[in-house]
Amino acid sequence: MKKLPLLKRQAGFSLVAVIFLVTVLATGVVFIQRISNVSVATNNLAMQGARAWQAAQAGAEWGVYQVTTGGCPAASTSFNLTEQSLTGFEVTVTCNSTIYTEQGLSVTMYFLEVFASSGVLGSTPDYVSRKISLVVEG
């Protein structure tokens, strides 16, 4: 009859071990979930960055077309892209021109600056922007 109290004390110890094990496993699951969420967010921002670059490239191509077909637009031109993968991007194209004369030959140089962005800086968590500068000889 003296062995019965000894068995009760040993059974209580395994309960503490199980609670500890469950706590450690739950903490590990939470950690893995957070790492997964950070990875997804990083991939989403990388994709948005690539889209912003493509939007800026589209603006640069538009600017080069404007320069080659009629000269520099008088003011900065902004437009919103509506193409399926670039929806939500605003592109601003700024153009300045300068005429250079070398050995009696006048050459017009066009300086294009293209800025593409999506979202609002400081208030949108997935805000991205890209800027491209280029020079076109006219």
Foldseek 3Di string as FASTA:
>chain_A
DVCVVVVVVVVVVVVVVVVVVVVVVVVVVVVVVVVVVVVVVVVVLVLVQVLQVVVQVVVVVVQVVCPVPPHGDPAKDKDADDPPSNHQKIKIKGKDWDWDADPNDIKIKIKIKMKIWGDDPPPDPSIDMDIDIDIDID
